[in-house]
Amino acid sequence: MRPCSPRSRALLDERSSHLDPRYQVTLLSRLQARFTAADRAIPMVLHDINLAQRFSDHLLVLFGDGGWMGGLMGTRRPDTLSRA
C-alpha cells in the first residue's frame, strides 16, 4: 500500500497506530501536505491526543461518560484535554 498515493478523499481510522512515533509523524505530515495543497479534508480517528492536536484543524473529543466537545478552540483547553 502506498499511504500517500494521489486520491481525492481519505478516511483514516487509527492508520498510524502500529507505526513507531517517527513514522507516525512522517506519515501524517505527508498526508497533511498532500491534502492541504489540494484544499481537501481528511477525517481521521486518532487516540493519541498529541498527534490529534498537531495534525488537526478541528477536533471532536469524546469522553468516557458519553460527553463530547468539538470545534477549533474549545477542544484545546488544558482542562478539556486532561479530561480526555
C-alpha atoms as a PDB file:
ATOM      1  CA  MET A   1       0.000   0.000   0.000  1.00  0.00           C
ATOM      2  CA  ARG A   2       1.186   3.490  -0.812  1.00  0.00           C
ATOM      3  CA  PRO A   3      -0.199   5.675   2.006  1.00  0.00           C
ATOM      4  CA  CYS A   4       0.305   8.900   0.048  1.00  0.00           C
ATOM      5  CA  SER A   5      -0.892   7.835  -3.381  1.00  0.00           C
ATOM      6  CA  PRO A   6      -2.904  10.530  -5.182  1.00  0.00           C
ATOM      7  CA  ARG A   7      -6.507  10.419  -4.022  1.00  0.00           C
ATOM      8  CA  SER A   8      -9.242  12.976  -3.724  1.00  0.00           C
ATOM      9  CA  ARG A   9     -10.572  11.517  -0.448  1.00  0.00           C
ATOM     10  CA  ALA A  10      -9.243   9.695   2.584  1.00  0.00           C
ATOM     11  CA  LEU A  11     -10.819   8.391   5.755  1.00  0.00           C
ATOM     12  CA  LEU A  12      -8.281   7.244   8.312  1.00  0.00           C
ATOM     13  CA  ASP A  13      -9.137   5.065  11.301  1.00  0.00           C
ATOM     14  CA  GLU A  14      -6.035   4.752  13.503  1.00  0.00           C
ATOM     15  CA  ARG A  15      -3.971   4.410  10.339  1.00  0.00           C
ATOM     16  CA  SER A  16      -0.715   5.226  12.104  1.00  0.00           C
ATOM     17  CA  SER A  17      -1.199   3.422  15.436  1.00  0.00           C
ATOM     18  CA  HIS A  18       1.026   0.468  14.501  1.00  0.00           C
ATOM     19  CA  LEU A  19       3.969   2.671  13.479  1.00  0.00           C
ATOM     20  CA  ASP A  20       6.895   3.927  15.533  1.00  0.00           C
ATOM     21  CA  PRO A  21       6.406   7.584  16.580  1.00  0.00           C
ATOM     22  CA  ARG A  22       8.878   8.860  13.977  1.00  0.00           C
ATOM     23  CA  TYR A  23       6.962   7.180  11.176  1.00  0.00           C
ATOM     24  CA  GLN A  24       3.602   8.303  12.574  1.00  0.00           C
ATOM     25  CA  VAL A  25       4.734  11.913  12.264  1.00  0.00           C
ATOM     26  CA  THR A  26       6.199  11.292   8.799  1.00  0.00           C
ATOM     27  CA  LEU A  27       3.012   9.648   7.514  1.00  0.00           C
ATOM     28  CA  LEU A  28       0.686  12.296   8.921  1.00  0.00           C
ATOM     29  CA  SER A  29       2.956  15.121   7.723  1.00  0.00           C
ATOM     30  CA  ARG A  30       2.912  13.776   4.177  1.00  0.00           C
ATOM     31  CA  LEU A  31      -0.840  13.283   4.202  1.00  0.00           C
ATOM     32  CA  GLN A  32      -1.359  16.760   5.636  1.00  0.00           C
ATOM     33  CA  ALA A  33       0.850  18.347   2.969  1.00  0.00           C
ATOM     34  CA  ARG A  34      -0.817  16.448   0.128  1.00  0.00           C
ATOM     35  CA  PHE A  35      -4.376  17.155   1.186  1.00  0.00           C
ATOM     36  CA  THR A  36      -3.768  20.748   2.296  1.00  0.00           C
ATOM     37  CA  ALA A  37      -2.203  21.562  -1.069  1.00  0.00           C
ATOM     38  CA  ALA A  38      -5.306  20.153  -2.788  1.00  0.00           C
ATOM     39  CA  ASP A  39      -7.634  22.001  -0.355  1.00  0.00           C
ATOM     40  CA  ARG A  40      -9.079  18.699   0.859  1.00  0.00           C
ATOM     41  CA  ALA A  41     -10.017  17.417   4.306  1.00  0.00           C
ATOM     42  CA  ILE A  42      -9.057  14.129   5.939  1.00  0.00           C
ATOM     43  CA  PRO A  43     -11.499  12.818   8.529  1.00  0.00           C
ATOM     44  CA  MET A  44      -9.466  10.622  10.853  1.00  0.00           C
ATOM     45  CA  VAL A  45      -9.644   8.782  14.151  1.00  0.00           C
ATOM     46  CA  LEU A  46      -6.643   9.253  16.427  1.00  0.00           C
ATOM     47  CA  HIS A  47      -6.424   8.074  20.013  1.00  0.00           C
ATOM     48  CA  ASP A  48      -3.140   9.904  20.565  1.00  0.00           C
ATOM     49  CA  ILE A  49      -4.187  13.380  21.700  1.00  0.00           C
ATOM     50  CA  ASN A  50      -0.738  14.807  20.875  1.00  0.00           C
ATOM     51  CA  LEU A  51      -0.935  13.668  17.240  1.00  0.00           C
ATOM     52  CA  ALA A  52      -4.533  14.859  17.028  1.00  0.00           C
ATOM     53  CA  GLN A  53      -3.534  18.338  18.207  1.00  0.00           C
ATOM     54  CA  ARG A  54      -0.543  18.515  15.919  1.00  0.00           C
ATOM     55  CA  PHE A  55      -2.278  17.440  12.729  1.00  0.00           C
ATOM     56  CA  SER A  56      -5.860  18.650  13.140  1.00  0.00           C
ATOM     57  CA  ASP A  57      -7.566  21.941  12.447  1.00  0.00           C
ATOM     58  CA  HIS A  58     -10.734  20.792  14.216  1.00  0.00           C
ATOM     59  CA  LEU A  59     -11.167  18.174  16.911  1.00  0.00           C
ATOM     60  CA  LEU A  60     -14.084  16.185  18.218  1.00  0.00           C
ATOM     61  CA  VAL A  61     -13.167  14.847  21.652  1.00  0.00           C
ATOM     62  CA  LEU A  62     -15.317  12.012  23.006  1.00  0.00           C
ATOM     63  CA  PHE A  63     -15.340  11.398  26.758  1.00  0.00           C
ATOM     64  CA  GLY A  64     -15.926   8.088  28.539  1.00  0.00           C
ATOM     65  CA  ASP A  65     -19.039   9.437  30.261  1.00  0.00           C
ATOM     66  CA  GLY A  66     -20.774   9.991  26.915  1.00  0.00           C
ATOM     67  CA  GLY A  67     -19.951  13.684  26.769  1.00  0.00           C
ATOM     68  CA  TRP A  68     -18.179  15.357  23.892  1.00  0.00           C
ATOM     69  CA  MET A  69     -16.645  18.650  22.878  1.00  0.00           C
ATOM     70  CA  GLY A  70     -15.806  19.803  19.405  1.00  0.00           C
ATOM     71  CA  GLY A  71     -14.531  22.717  17.443  1.00  0.00           C
ATOM     72  CA  LEU A  72     -11.359  24.589  16.849  1.00  0.00           C
ATOM     73  CA  MET A  73     -10.510  26.328  20.113  1.00  0.00           C
ATOM     74  CA  GLY A  74     -12.665  24.695  22.803  1.00  0.00           C
ATOM     75  CA  THR A  75     -11.091  21.279  22.466  1.00  0.00           C
ATOM     76  CA  ARG A  76      -7.585  22.551  23.019  1.00  0.00           C
ATOM     77  CA  ARG A  77      -8.010  23.925  26.532  1.00  0.00           C
ATOM     78  CA  PRO A  78      -5.870  22.129  29.131  1.00  0.00           C
ATOM     79  CA  ASP A  79      -8.888  21.196  31.270  1.00  0.00           C
ATOM     80  CA  THR A  80     -10.597  19.576  28.283  1.00  0.00           C
ATOM     81  CA  LEU A  81      -7.504  17.680  27.210  1.00  0.00           C
ATOM     82  CA  SER A  82      -6.822  16.373  30.704  1.00  0.00           C
ATOM     83  CA  ARG A  83     -10.402  15.042  30.805  1.00  0.00           C
ATOM     84  CA  ALA A  84      -9.865  13.180  27.523  1.00  0.00           C
END
